[in-house]
PDB file of N, CA and C in Angstrom:
ATOM      1  N   MET A   1      47.154  -8.298  -3.159  1.00  0.00           N
ATOM      2  CA  MET A   1      46.552  -7.247  -2.364  1.00  0.00           C
ATOM      3  C   MET A   1      45.552  -6.441  -3.205  1.00  0.00           C
ATOM      4  N   LYS A   2      45.925  -6.139  -4.463  1.00  0.00           N
ATOM      5  CA  LYS A   2      45.024  -5.383  -5.330  1.00  0.00           C
ATOM      6  C   LYS A   2      43.745  -6.172  -5.587  1.00  0.00           C
ATOM      7  N   LEU A   3      43.891  -7.474  -5.756  1.00  0.00           N
ATOM      8  CA  LEU A   3      42.725  -8.323  -5.986  1.00  0.00           C
ATOM      9  C   LEU A   3      41.803  -8.294  -4.767  1.00  0.00           C
ATOM     10  N   TYR A   4      42.399  -8.361  -3.590  1.00  0.00           N
ATOM     11  CA  TYR A   4      41.623  -8.322  -2.355  1.00  0.00           C
ATOM     12  C   TYR A   4      40.862  -7.000  -2.235  1.00  0.00           C
ATOM     13  N   LEU A   5      41.530  -5.892  -2.506  1.00  0.00           N
ATOM     14  CA  LEU A   5      40.881  -4.579  -2.443  1.00  0.00           C
ATOM     15  C   LEU A   5      39.796  -4.440  -3.509  1.00  0.00           C
ATOM     16  N   SER A   6      40.043  -4.983  -4.688  1.00  0.00           N
ATOM     17  CA  SER A   6      39.039  -4.930  -5.760  1.00  0.00           C
ATOM     18  C   SER A   6      37.782  -5.704  -5.373  1.00  0.00           C
ATOM     19  N   ILE A   7      37.978  -6.884  -4.806  1.00  0.00           N
ATOM     20  CA  ILE A   7      36.836  -7.694  -4.368  1.00  0.00           C
ATOM     21  C   ILE A   7      36.086  -6.986  -3.247  1.00  0.00           C
ATOM     22  N   LEU A   8      36.825  -6.433  -2.299  1.00  0.00           N
ATOM     23  CA  LEU A   8      36.213  -5.710  -1.188  1.00  0.00           C
ATOM     24  C   LEU A   8      35.424  -4.502  -1.689  1.00  0.00           C
ATOM     25  N   LEU A   9      35.975  -3.778  -2.648  1.00  0.00           N
ATOM     26  CA  LEU A   9      35.293  -2.620  -3.224  1.00  0.00           C
ATOM     27  C   LEU A   9      34.019  -3.048  -3.948  1.00  0.00           C
ATOM     28  N   CYS A  10      34.092  -4.130  -4.713  1.00  0.00           N
ATOM     29  CA  CYS A  10      32.901  -4.638  -5.417  1.00  0.00           C
ATOM     30  C   CYS A  10      31.812  -5.043  -4.432  1.00  0.00           C
ATOM     31  N   LEU A  11      32.204  -5.725  -3.358  1.00  0.00           N
ATOM     32  CA  LEU A  11      31.226  -6.122  -2.348  1.00  0.00           C
ATOM     33  C   LEU A  11      30.604  -4.910  -1.674  1.00  0.00           C
ATOM     34  N   PHE A  12      31.420  -3.921  -1.389  1.00  0.00           N
ATOM     35  CA  PHE A  12      30.918  -2.704  -0.753  1.00  0.00           C
ATOM     36  C   PHE A  12      29.919  -1.989  -1.655  1.00  0.00           C
ATOM     37  N   LEU A  13      30.252  -1.867  -2.924  1.00  0.00           N
ATOM     38  CA  LEU A  13      29.362  -1.187  -3.861  1.00  0.00           C
ATOM     39  C   LEU A  13      28.085  -1.987  -4.111  1.00  0.00           C
ATOM     40  N   ALA A  14      28.183  -3.294  -4.095  1.00  0.00           N
ATOM     41  CA  ALA A  14      27.005  -4.133  -4.309  1.00  0.00           C
ATOM     42  C   ALA A  14      26.044  -4.045  -3.128  1.00  0.00           C
ATOM     43  N   CYS A  15      26.575  -3.840  -1.939  1.00  0.00           N
ATOM     44  CA  CYS A  15      25.740  -3.765  -0.742  1.00  0.00           C
ATOM     45  C   CYS A  15      25.194  -2.368  -0.491  1.00  0.00           C
ATOM     46  N   LYS A  16      25.690  -1.398  -1.217  1.00  0.00           N
ATOM     47  CA  LYS A  16      25.243  -0.021  -1.029  1.00  0.00           C
ATOM     48  C   LYS A  16      23.755   0.070  -1.353  1.00  0.00           C
ATOM     49  N   GLU A  17      23.017   0.754  -0.482  1.00  0.00           N
ATOM     50  CA  GLU A  17      21.576   0.918  -0.690  1.00  0.00           C
ATOM     51  C   GLU A  17      21.339   1.741  -1.946  1.00  0.00           C
ATOM     52  N   GLN A  18      20.450   1.235  -2.789  1.00  0.00           N
ATOM     53  CA  GLN A  18      20.123   1.940  -4.022  1.00  0.00           C
ATOM     54  C   GLN A  18      19.178   3.089  -3.712  1.00  0.00           C
ATOM     55  N   LYS A  19      19.520   4.266  -4.170  1.00  0.00           N
ATOM     56  CA  LYS A  19      18.674   5.433  -3.971  1.00  0.00           C
ATOM     57  C   LYS A  19      17.614   5.442  -5.060  1.00  0.00           C
ATOM     58  N   GLU A  20      16.362   5.631  -4.645  1.00  0.00           N
ATOM     59  CA  GLU A  20      15.290   5.684  -5.623  1.00  0.00           C
ATOM     60  C   GLU A  20      15.401   6.974  -6.416  1.00  0.00           C
ATOM     61  N   ASN A  21      15.234   6.855  -7.710  1.00  0.00           N
ATOM     62  CA  ASN A  21      15.290   8.019  -8.576  1.00  0.00           C
ATOM     63  C   ASN A  21      13.866   8.501  -8.821  1.00  0.00           C
ATOM     64  N   ILE A  22      13.438   9.468  -8.011  1.00  0.00           N
ATOM     65  CA  ILE A  22      12.090  10.013  -8.130  1.00  0.00           C
ATOM     66  C   ILE A  22      12.207  11.428  -8.677  1.00  0.00           C
ATOM     67  N   PRO A  23      11.530  11.697  -9.782  1.00  0.00           N
ATOM     68  CA  PRO A  23      11.616  13.025 -10.398  1.00  0.00           C
ATOM     69  C   PRO A  23      11.083  14.127  -9.482  1.00  0.00           C
ATOM     70  N   GLN A  24      11.527  15.328  -9.757  1.00  0.00           N
ATOM     71  CA  GLN A  24      11.063  16.488  -9.006  1.00  0.00           C
ATOM     72  C   GLN A  24       9.556  16.649  -9.203  1.00  0.00           C
ATOM     73  N   GLY A  25       8.867  16.998  -8.146  1.00  0.00           N
ATOM     74  CA  GLY A  25       7.426  17.183  -8.222  1.00  0.00           C
ATOM     75  C   GLY A  25       6.632  15.931  -7.923  1.00  0.00           C
ATOM     76  N   ILE A  26       7.316  14.813  -7.710  1.00  0.00           N
ATOM     77  CA  ILE A  26       6.644  13.557  -7.384  1.00  0.00           C
ATOM     78  C   ILE A  26       6.672  13.383  -5.869  1.00  0.00           C
ATOM     79  N   LEU A  27       5.522  13.103  -5.298  1.00  0.00           N
ATOM     80  CA  LEU A  27       5.408  12.925  -3.856  1.00  0.00           C
ATOM     81  C   LEU A  27       6.048  11.609  -3.429  1.00  0.00           C
ATOM     82  N   LEU A  28       6.490  11.568  -2.188  1.00  0.00           N
ATOM     83  CA  LEU A  28       7.002  10.317  -1.639  1.00  0.00           C
ATOM     84  C   LEU A  28       5.875   9.298  -1.583  1.00  0.00           C
ATOM     85  N   LYS A  29       6.235   8.028  -1.646  1.00  0.00           N
ATOM     86  CA  LYS A  29       5.237   6.958  -1.638  1.00  0.00           C
ATOM     87  C   LYS A  29       4.309   7.085  -0.429  1.00  0.00           C
ATOM     88  N   LYS A  30       4.882   7.381   0.722  1.00  0.00           N
ATOM     89  CA  LYS A  30       4.091   7.493   1.951  1.00  0.00           C
ATOM     90  C   LYS A  30       3.045   8.599   1.818  1.00  0.00           C
ATOM     91  N   ASN A  31       3.456   9.761   1.337  1.00  0.00           N
ATOM     92  CA  ASN A  31       2.536  10.895   1.204  1.00  0.00           C
ATOM     93  C   ASN A  31       1.463  10.619   0.159  1.00  0.00           C
ATOM     94  N   PHE A  32       1.857  10.034  -0.963  1.00  0.00           N
ATOM     95  CA  PHE A  32       0.893   9.740  -2.016  1.00  0.00           C
ATOM     96  C   PHE A  32      -0.096   8.680  -1.536  1.00  0.00           C
ATOM     97  N   GLY A  33       0.373   7.747  -0.727  1.00  0.00           N
ATOM     98  CA  GLY A  33      -0.501   6.721  -0.177  1.00  0.00           C
ATOM     99  C   GLY A  33      -1.599   7.304   0.701  1.00  0.00           C
ATOM    100  N   VAL A  34      -1.253   8.299   1.503  1.00  0.00           N
ATOM    101  CA  VAL A  34      -2.248   8.952   2.358  1.00  0.00           C
ATOM    102  C   VAL A  34      -3.316   9.625   1.502  1.00  0.00           C
ATOM    103  N   ILE A  35      -2.894  10.262   0.431  1.00  0.00           N
ATOM    104  CA  ILE A  35      -3.839  10.921  -0.471  1.00  0.00           C
ATOM    105  C   ILE A  35      -4.734   9.885  -1.144  1.00  0.00           C
ATOM    106  N   LEU A  36      -4.147   8.799  -1.622  1.00  0.00           N
ATOM    107  CA  LEU A  36      -4.938   7.738  -2.254  1.00  0.00           C
ATOM    108  C   LEU A  36      -5.962   7.152  -1.285  1.00  0.00           C
ATOM    109  N   LYS A  37      -5.561   6.985  -0.035  1.00  0.00           N
ATOM    110  CA  LYS A  37      -6.490   6.462   0.965  1.00  0.00           C
ATOM    111  C   LYS A  37      -7.685   7.400   1.106  1.00  0.00           C
ATOM    112  N   ASP A  38      -7.424   8.690   1.217  1.00  0.00           N
ATOM    113  CA  ASP A  38      -8.507   9.667   1.332  1.00  0.00           C
ATOM    114  C   ASP A  38      -9.416   9.634   0.107  1.00  0.00           C
ATOM    115  N   ILE A  39      -8.813   9.528  -1.069  1.00  0.00           N
ATOM    116  CA  ILE A  39      -9.589   9.478  -2.316  1.00  0.00           C
ATOM    117  C   ILE A  39     -10.498   8.237  -2.319  1.00  0.00           C
ATOM    118  N   HIS A  40      -9.950   7.098  -1.944  1.00  0.00           N
ATOM    119  CA  HIS A  40     -10.732   5.862  -1.961  1.00  0.00           C
ATOM    120  C   HIS A  40     -11.851   5.874  -0.921  1.00  0.00           C
ATOM    121  N   LEU A  41     -11.618   6.508   0.211  1.00  0.00           N
ATOM    122  CA  LEU A  41     -12.688   6.625   1.201  1.00  0.00           C
ATOM    123  C   LEU A  41     -13.839   7.464   0.649  1.00  0.00           C
ATOM    124  N   GLU A  42     -13.505   8.551  -0.035  1.00  0.00           N
ATOM    125  CA  GLU A  42     -14.549   9.391  -0.628  1.00  0.00           C
ATOM    126  C   GLU A  42     -15.280   8.658  -1.747  1.00  0.00           C
ATOM    127  N   GLU A  43     -14.553   7.882  -2.534  1.00  0.00           N
ATOM    128  CA  GLU A  43     -15.203   7.116  -3.600  1.00  0.00           C
ATOM    129  C   GLU A  43     -16.132   6.043  -3.025  1.00  0.00           C
ATOM    130  N   ALA A  44     -15.757   5.484  -1.876  1.00  0.00           N
ATOM    131  CA  ALA A  44     -16.633   4.506  -1.223  1.00  0.00           C
ATOM    132  C   ALA A  44     -17.921   5.184  -0.753  1.00  0.00           C
ATOM    133  N   LYS A  45     -17.794   6.397  -0.192  1.00  0.00           N
ATOM    134  CA  LYS A  45     -18.989   7.157   0.199  1.00  0.00           C
ATOM    135  C   LYS A  45     -19.862   7.429  -1.017  1.00  0.00           C
ATOM    136  N   PHE A  46     -19.219   7.783  -2.125  1.00  0.00           N
ATOM    137  CA  PHE A  46     -19.949   8.048  -3.368  1.00  0.00           C
ATOM    138  C   PHE A  46     -20.759   6.828  -3.783  1.00  0.00           C
ATOM    139  N   GLU A  47     -20.139   5.666  -3.751  1.00  0.00           N
ATOM    140  CA  GLU A  47     -20.824   4.435  -4.155  1.00  0.00           C
ATOM    141  C   GLU A  47     -22.029   4.152  -3.262  1.00  0.00           C
ATOM    142  N   LEU A  48     -21.892   4.453  -1.974  1.00  0.00           N
ATOM    143  CA  LEU A  48     -22.998   4.213  -1.047  1.00  0.00           C
ATOM    144  C   LEU A  48     -24.141   5.203  -1.245  1.00  0.00           C
ATOM    145  N   GLN A  49     -23.819   6.420  -1.698  1.00  0.00           N
ATOM    146  CA  GLN A  49     -24.825   7.473  -1.801  1.00  0.00           C
ATOM    147  C   GLN A  49     -25.364   7.691  -3.210  1.00  0.00           C
ATOM    148  N   LYS A  50     -24.814   7.048  -4.196  1.00  0.00           N
ATOM    149  CA  LYS A  50     -25.183   7.381  -5.571  1.00  0.00           C
ATOM    150  C   LYS A  50     -26.630   7.060  -5.914  1.00  0.00           C
ATOM    151  N   ASN A  51     -27.262   6.200  -5.174  1.00  0.00           N
ATOM    152  CA  ASN A  51     -28.670   5.895  -5.433  1.00  0.00           C
ATOM    153  C   ASN A  51     -29.590   7.044  -5.034  1.00  0.00           C
ATOM    154  N   LYS A  52     -29.089   7.976  -4.248  1.00  0.00           N
ATOM    155  CA  LYS A  52     -29.910   9.087  -3.769  1.00  0.00           C
ATOM    156  C   LYS A  52     -30.057  10.200  -4.800  1.00  0.00           C
ATOM    157  N   GLY A  53     -29.306  10.167  -5.821  1.00  0.00           N
ATOM    158  CA  GLY A  53     -29.345  11.214  -6.837  1.00  0.00           C
ATOM    159  C   GLY A  53     -27.968  11.358  -7.440  1.00  0.00           C
ATOM    160  N   MET A  54     -27.812  10.866  -8.637  1.00  0.00           N
ATOM    161  CA  MET A  54     -26.499  10.748  -9.261  1.00  0.00           C
ATOM    162  C   MET A  54     -25.787  12.091  -9.409  1.00  0.00           C
ATOM    163  N   GLN A  55     -26.435  13.103  -9.951  1.00  0.00           N
ATOM    164  CA  GLN A  55     -25.750  14.363 -10.217  1.00  0.00           C
ATOM    165  C   GLN A  55     -25.308  15.034  -8.922  1.00  0.00           C
ATOM    166  N   ASN A  56     -26.180  15.067  -7.936  1.00  0.00           N
ATOM    167  CA  ASN A  56     -25.830  15.677  -6.663  1.00  0.00           C
ATOM    168  C   ASN A  56     -24.660  14.938  -6.020  1.00  0.00           C
ATOM    169  N   THR A  57     -24.667  13.626  -6.104  1.00  0.00           N
ATOM    170  CA  THR A  57     -23.596  12.824  -5.521  1.00  0.00           C
ATOM    171  C   THR A  57     -22.281  13.047  -6.261  1.00  0.00           C
ATOM    172  N   LYS A  58     -22.326  13.160  -7.600  1.00  0.00           N
ATOM    173  CA  LYS A  58     -21.104  13.435  -8.370  1.00  0.00           C
ATOM    174  C   LYS A  58     -20.513  14.780  -7.974  1.00  0.00           C
ATOM    175  N   ASN A  59     -21.378  15.773  -7.780  1.00  0.00           N
ATOM    176  CA  ASN A  59     -20.903  17.090  -7.351  1.00  0.00           C
ATOM    177  C   ASN A  59     -20.234  17.003  -5.985  1.00  0.00           C
ATOM    178  N   LYS A  60     -20.820  16.215  -5.087  1.00  0.00           N
ATOM    179  CA  LYS A  60     -20.221  16.033  -3.764  1.00  0.00           C
ATOM    180  C   LYS A  60     -18.857  15.351  -3.872  1.00  0.00           C
ATOM    181  N   LEU A  61     -18.744  14.371  -4.771  1.00  0.00           N
ATOM    182  CA  LEU A  61     -17.475  13.671  -4.946  1.00  0.00           C
ATOM    183  C   LEU A  61     -16.404  14.627  -5.462  1.00  0.00           C
ATOM    184  N   GLU A  62     -16.743  15.435  -6.457  1.00  0.00           N
ATOM    185  CA  GLU A  62     -15.790  16.426  -6.979  1.00  0.00           C
ATOM    186  C   GLU A  62     -15.382  17.407  -5.883  1.00  0.00           C
ATOM    187  N   HIS A  63     -16.348  17.827  -5.078  1.00  0.00           N
ATOM    188  CA  HIS A  63     -16.056  18.730  -3.965  1.00  0.00           C
ATOM    189  C   HIS A  63     -15.122  18.046  -2.962  1.00  0.00           C
ATOM    190  N   SER A  64     -15.373  16.775  -2.687  1.00  0.00           N
ATOM    191  CA  SER A  64     -14.519  16.022  -1.762  1.00  0.00           C
ATOM    192  C   SER A  64     -13.093  15.905  -2.294  1.00  0.00           C
ATOM    193  N   TYR A  65     -12.956  15.655  -3.604  1.00  0.00           N
ATOM    194  CA  TYR A  65     -11.619  15.614  -4.207  1.00  0.00           C
ATOM    195  C   TYR A  65     -10.899  16.940  -3.977  1.00  0.00           C
ATOM    196  N   ASN A  66     -11.593  18.039  -4.218  1.00  0.00           N
ATOM    197  CA  ASN A  66     -10.976  19.358  -4.035  1.00  0.00           C
ATOM    198  C   ASN A  66     -10.560  19.582  -2.590  1.00  0.00           C
ATOM    199  N   LEU A  67     -11.378  19.134  -1.640  1.00  0.00           N
ATOM    200  CA  LEU A  67     -11.013  19.263  -0.227  1.00  0.00           C
ATOM    201  C   LEU A  67      -9.772  18.432   0.104  1.00  0.00           C
ATOM    202  N   ILE A  68      -9.666  17.258  -0.493  1.00  0.00           N
ATOM    203  CA  ILE A  68      -8.480  16.416  -0.279  1.00  0.00           C
ATOM    204  C   ILE A  68      -7.243  17.108  -0.837  1.00  0.00           C
ATOM    205  N   TYR A  69      -7.354  17.687  -2.026  1.00  0.00           N
ATOM    206  CA  TYR A  69      -6.219  18.398  -2.618  1.00  0.00           C
ATOM    207  C   TYR A  69      -5.791  19.560  -1.721  1.00  0.00           C
ATOM    208  N   ILE A  70      -6.760  20.291  -1.198  1.00  0.00           N
ATOM    209  CA  ILE A  70      -6.449  21.413  -0.307  1.00  0.00           C
ATOM    210  C   ILE A  70      -5.797  20.899   0.973  1.00  0.00           C
ATOM    211  N   LYS A  71      -6.361  19.853   1.548  1.00  0.00           N
ATOM    212  CA  LYS A  71      -5.832  19.266   2.787  1.00  0.00           C
ATOM    213  C   LYS A  71      -4.363  18.883   2.637  1.00  0.00           C
ATOM    214  N   HIS A  72      -4.018  18.322   1.491  1.00  0.00           N
ATOM    215  CA  HIS A  72      -2.651  17.840   1.274  1.00  0.00           C
ATOM    216  C   HIS A  72      -1.790  18.843   0.503  1.00  0.00           C
ATOM    217  N   GLN A  73      -2.326  20.031   0.284  1.00  0.00           N
ATOM    218  CA  GLN A  73      -1.608  21.133  -0.362  1.00  0.00           C
ATOM    219  C   GLN A  73      -1.066  20.746  -1.735  1.00  0.00           C
ATOM    220  N   ILE A  74      -1.942  20.138  -2.535  1.00  0.00           N
ATOM    221  CA  ILE A  74      -1.589  19.804  -3.911  1.00  0.00           C
ATOM    222  C   ILE A  74      -2.733  20.254  -4.817  1.00  0.00           C
ATOM    223  N   SER A  75      -2.488  20.189  -6.106  1.00  0.00           N
ATOM    224  CA  SER A  75      -3.540  20.483  -7.082  1.00  0.00           C
ATOM    225  C   SER A  75      -3.962  19.174  -7.752  1.00  0.00           C
ATOM    226  N   GLU A  76      -5.049  19.247  -8.509  1.00  0.00           N
ATOM    227  CA  GLU A  76      -5.489  18.071  -9.255  1.00  0.00           C
ATOM    228  C   GLU A  76      -4.417  17.658 -10.259  1.00  0.00           C
ATOM    229  N   GLU A  77      -3.746  18.638 -10.850  1.00  0.00           N
ATOM    230  CA  GLU A  77      -2.693  18.344 -11.827  1.00  0.00           C
ATOM    231  C   GLU A  77      -1.535  17.591 -11.176  1.00  0.00           C
ATOM    232  N   ILE A  78      -1.153  18.019  -9.967  1.00  0.00           N
ATOM    233  CA  ILE A  78      -0.068  17.332  -9.257  1.00  0.00           C
ATOM    234  C   ILE A  78      -0.492  15.906  -8.920  1.00  0.00           C
ATOM    235  N   PHE A  79      -1.741  15.737  -8.481  1.00  0.00           N
ATOM    236  CA  PHE A  79      -2.230  14.390  -8.183  1.00  0.00           C
ATOM    237  C   PHE A  79      -2.153  13.510  -9.424  1.00  0.00           C
ATOM    238  N   LYS A  80      -2.637  14.021 -10.547  1.00  0.00           N
ATOM    239  CA  LYS A  80      -2.642  13.228 -11.784  1.00  0.00           C
ATOM    240  C   LYS A  80      -1.223  12.914 -12.256  1.00  0.00           C
ATOM    241  N   LYS A  81      -0.312  13.873 -12.097  1.00  0.00           N
ATOM    242  CA  LYS A  81       1.090  13.644 -12.470  1.00  0.00           C
ATOM    243  C   LYS A  81       1.670  12.511 -11.628  1.00  0.00           C
ATOM    244  N   ASN A  82       1.388  12.534 -10.329  1.00  0.00           N
ATOM    245  CA  ASN A  82       1.874  11.487  -9.439  1.00  0.00           C
ATOM    246  C   ASN A  82       1.232  10.148  -9.752  1.00  0.00           C
ATOM    247  N   LEU A  83      -0.048  10.160 -10.047  1.00  0.00           N
ATOM    248  CA  LEU A  83      -0.738   8.918 -10.379  1.00  0.00           C
ATOM    249  C   LEU A  83      -0.140   8.294 -11.639  1.00  0.00           C
ATOM    250  N   ARG A  84       0.151   9.119 -12.641  1.00  0.00           N
ATOM    251  CA  ARG A  84       0.785   8.604 -13.874  1.00  0.00           C
ATOM    252  C   ARG A  84       2.170   8.031 -13.574  1.00  0.00           C
ATOM    253  N   PHE A  85       2.952   8.771 -12.756  1.00  0.00           N
ATOM    254  CA  PHE A  85       4.300   8.306 -12.426  1.00  0.00           C
ATOM    255  C   PHE A  85       4.249   6.942 -11.743  1.00  0.00           C
ATOM    256  N   TYR A  86       3.421   6.834 -10.707  1.00  0.00           N
ATOM    257  CA  TYR A  86       3.371   5.580  -9.966  1.00  0.00           C
ATOM    258  C   TYR A  86       2.707   4.466 -10.775  1.00  0.00           C
ATOM    259  N   ALA A  87       1.778   4.802 -11.650  1.00  0.00           N
ATOM    260  CA  ALA A  87       1.172   3.789 -12.523  1.00  0.00           C
ATOM    261  C   ALA A  87       2.208   3.227 -13.496  1.00  0.00           C
ATOM    262  N   ASN A  88       3.169   4.053 -13.884  1.00  0.00           N
ATOM    263  CA  ASN A  88       4.248   3.600 -14.762  1.00  0.00           C
ATOM    264  C   ASN A  88       5.363   2.892 -13.997  1.00  0.00           C
ATOM    265  N   ASN A  89       5.262   2.859 -12.673  1.00  0.00           N
ATOM    266  CA  ASN A  89       6.211   2.165 -11.806  1.00  0.00           C
ATOM    267  C   ASN A  89       5.412   1.228 -10.897  1.00  0.00           C
ATOM    268  N   PRO A  90       4.930   0.122 -11.460  1.00  0.00           N
ATOM    269  CA  PRO A  90       3.989  -0.739 -10.733  1.00  0.00           C
ATOM    270  C   PRO A  90       4.507  -1.284  -9.404  1.00  0.00           C
ATOM    271  N   ASP A  91       5.807  -1.502  -9.283  1.00  0.00           N
ATOM    272  CA  ASP A  91       6.336  -1.998  -8.009  1.00  0.00           C
ATOM    273  C   ASP A  91       6.115  -0.973  -6.906  1.00  0.00           C
ATOM    274  N   LYS A  92       6.373   0.288  -7.238  1.00  0.00           N
ATOM    275  CA  LYS A  92       6.172   1.359  -6.263  1.00  0.00           C
ATOM    276  C   LYS A  92       4.686   1.515  -5.938  1.00  0.00           C
ATOM    277  N   LEU A  93       3.846   1.451  -6.960  1.00  0.00           N
ATOM    278  CA  LEU A  93       2.405   1.591  -6.746  1.00  0.00           C
ATOM    279  C   LEU A  93       1.868   0.439  -5.898  1.00  0.00           C
ATOM    280  N   GLU A  94       2.395  -0.745  -6.112  1.00  0.00           N
ATOM    281  CA  GLU A  94       1.971  -1.897  -5.310  1.00  0.00           C
ATOM    282  C   GLU A  94       2.335  -1.695  -3.841  1.00  0.00           C
ATOM    283  N   GLU A  95       3.528  -1.142  -3.575  1.00  0.00           N
ATOM    284  CA  GLU A  95       3.928  -0.847  -2.197  1.00  0.00           C
ATOM    285  C   GLU A  95       2.962   0.154  -1.566  1.00  0.00           C
ATOM    286  N   ILE A  96       2.616   1.184  -2.334  1.00  0.00           N
ATOM    287  CA  ILE A  96       1.704   2.210  -1.824  1.00  0.00           C
ATOM    288  C   ILE A  96       0.356   1.590  -1.493  1.00  0.00           C
ATOM    289  N   TYR A  97      -0.187   0.819  -2.428  1.00  0.00           N
ATOM    290  CA  TYR A  97      -1.509   0.241  -2.209  1.00  0.00           C
ATOM    291  C   TYR A  97      -1.504  -0.797  -1.096  1.00  0.00           C
ATOM    292  N   SER A  98      -0.404  -1.481  -0.883  1.00  0.00           N
ATOM    293  CA  SER A  98      -0.313  -2.414   0.248  1.00  0.00           C
ATOM    294  C   SER A  98      -0.449  -1.654   1.558  1.00  0.00           C
ATOM    295  N   THR A  99       0.221  -0.516   1.640  1.00  0.00           N
ATOM    296  CA  THR A  99       0.143   0.320   2.835  1.00  0.00           C
ATOM    297  C   THR A  99      -1.259   0.893   3.007  1.00  0.00           C
ATOM    298  N   VAL A 100      -1.851   1.377   1.911  1.00  0.00           N
ATOM    299  CA  VAL A 100      -3.206   1.937   1.963  1.00  0.00           C
ATOM    300  C   VAL A 100      -4.193   0.872   2.432  1.00  0.00           C
ATOM    301  N   LEU A 101      -4.103  -0.318   1.870  1.00  0.00           N
ATOM    302  CA  LEU A 101      -5.007  -1.403   2.248  1.00  0.00           C
ATOM    303  C   LEU A 101      -4.847  -1.760   3.719  1.00  0.00           C
ATOM    304  N   GLU A 102      -3.617  -1.794   4.183  1.00  0.00           N
ATOM    305  CA  GLU A 102      -3.360  -2.092   5.594  1.00  0.00           C
ATOM    306  C   GLU A 102      -3.983  -1.018   6.491  1.00  0.00           C
ATOM    307  N   GLN A 103      -3.821   0.251   6.108  1.00  0.00           N
ATOM    308  CA  GLN A 103      -4.397   1.344   6.898  1.00  0.00           C
ATOM    309  C   GLN A 103      -5.922   1.277   6.914  1.00  0.00           C
ATOM    310  N   LEU A 104      -6.524   1.002   5.771  1.00  0.00           N
ATOM    311  CA  LEU A 104      -7.984   0.908   5.699  1.00  0.00           C
ATOM    312  C   LEU A 104      -8.504  -0.276   6.513  1.00  0.00           C
ATOM    313  N   THR A 105      -7.792  -1.387   6.467  1.00  0.00           N
ATOM    314  CA  THR A 105      -8.172  -2.561   7.255  1.00  0.00           C
ATOM    315  C   THR A 105      -8.084  -2.253   8.744  1.00  0.00           C
ATOM    316  N   ASN A 106      -7.017  -1.557   9.153  1.00  0.00           N
ATOM    317  CA  ASN A 106      -6.869  -1.174  10.559  1.00  0.00           C
ATOM    318  C   ASN A 106      -7.988  -0.235  10.996  1.00  0.00           C
ATOM    319  N   GLU A 107      -8.341   0.718  10.143  1.00  0.00           N
ATOM    320  CA  GLU A 107      -9.431   1.637  10.473  1.00  0.00           C
ATOM    321  C   GLU A 107     -10.753   0.890  10.590  1.00  0.00           C
ATOM    322  N   GLN A 108     -10.980  -0.053   9.696  1.00  0.00           N
ATOM    323  CA  GLN A 108     -12.214  -0.837   9.737  1.00  0.00           C
ATOM    324  C   GLN A 108     -12.277  -1.650  11.032  1.00  0.00           C
ATOM    325  N   SER A 109     -11.164  -2.243  11.431  1.00  0.00           N
ATOM    326  CA  SER A 109     -11.116  -3.016  12.676  1.00  0.00           C
ATOM    327  C   SER A 109     -11.348  -2.110  13.883  1.00  0.00           C
ATOM    328  N   ARG A 110     -10.747  -0.937  13.834  1.00  0.00           N
ATOM    329  CA  ARG A 110     -10.882   0.015  14.932  1.00  0.00           C
ATOM    330  C   ARG A 110     -12.334   0.459  15.095  1.00  0.00           C
ATOM    331  N   LEU A 111     -13.038   0.586  13.981  1.00  0.00           N
ATOM    332  CA  LEU A 111     -14.440   0.993  14.021  1.00  0.00           C
ATOM    333  C   LEU A 111     -15.369  -0.171  14.351  1.00  0.00           C
ATOM    334  N   GLY A 112     -14.803  -1.376  14.408  1.00  0.00           N
ATOM    335  CA  GLY A 112     -15.578  -2.549  14.794  1.00  0.00           C
ATOM    336  C   GLY A 112     -16.533  -3.052  13.739  1.00  0.00           C
ATOM    337  N   GLN A 113     -16.151  -2.914  12.493  1.00  0.00           N
ATOM    338  CA  GLN A 113     -17.044  -3.353  11.416  1.00  0.00           C
ATOM    339  C   GLN A 113     -16.484  -4.575  10.764  1.00  0.00           C
TER     340      GLN A 113
END
């Protein structure tokens, strides 16, 4: 009977969902993905406009970054902290970028391009 209970307990613990250990101050993957998507959209605009005047376009890009930080109620420091965390956890970053890519592809399809 003890052996049966031990095996059952081991199976139960093995099937238990693993809780992700995310440090305090780190955004959830979903939230960070939305921010990354916004950042990449602004960088794409920058690439399209940079031929019009590099310095003016760089200033616009920095301004756009600040607007994104305000929109998502974070600071540049918080963004960089999260970027470092997820860069050091490539599996998590890959999940985020898969979602971001899917969202961007859906938006592109919706716009008919």
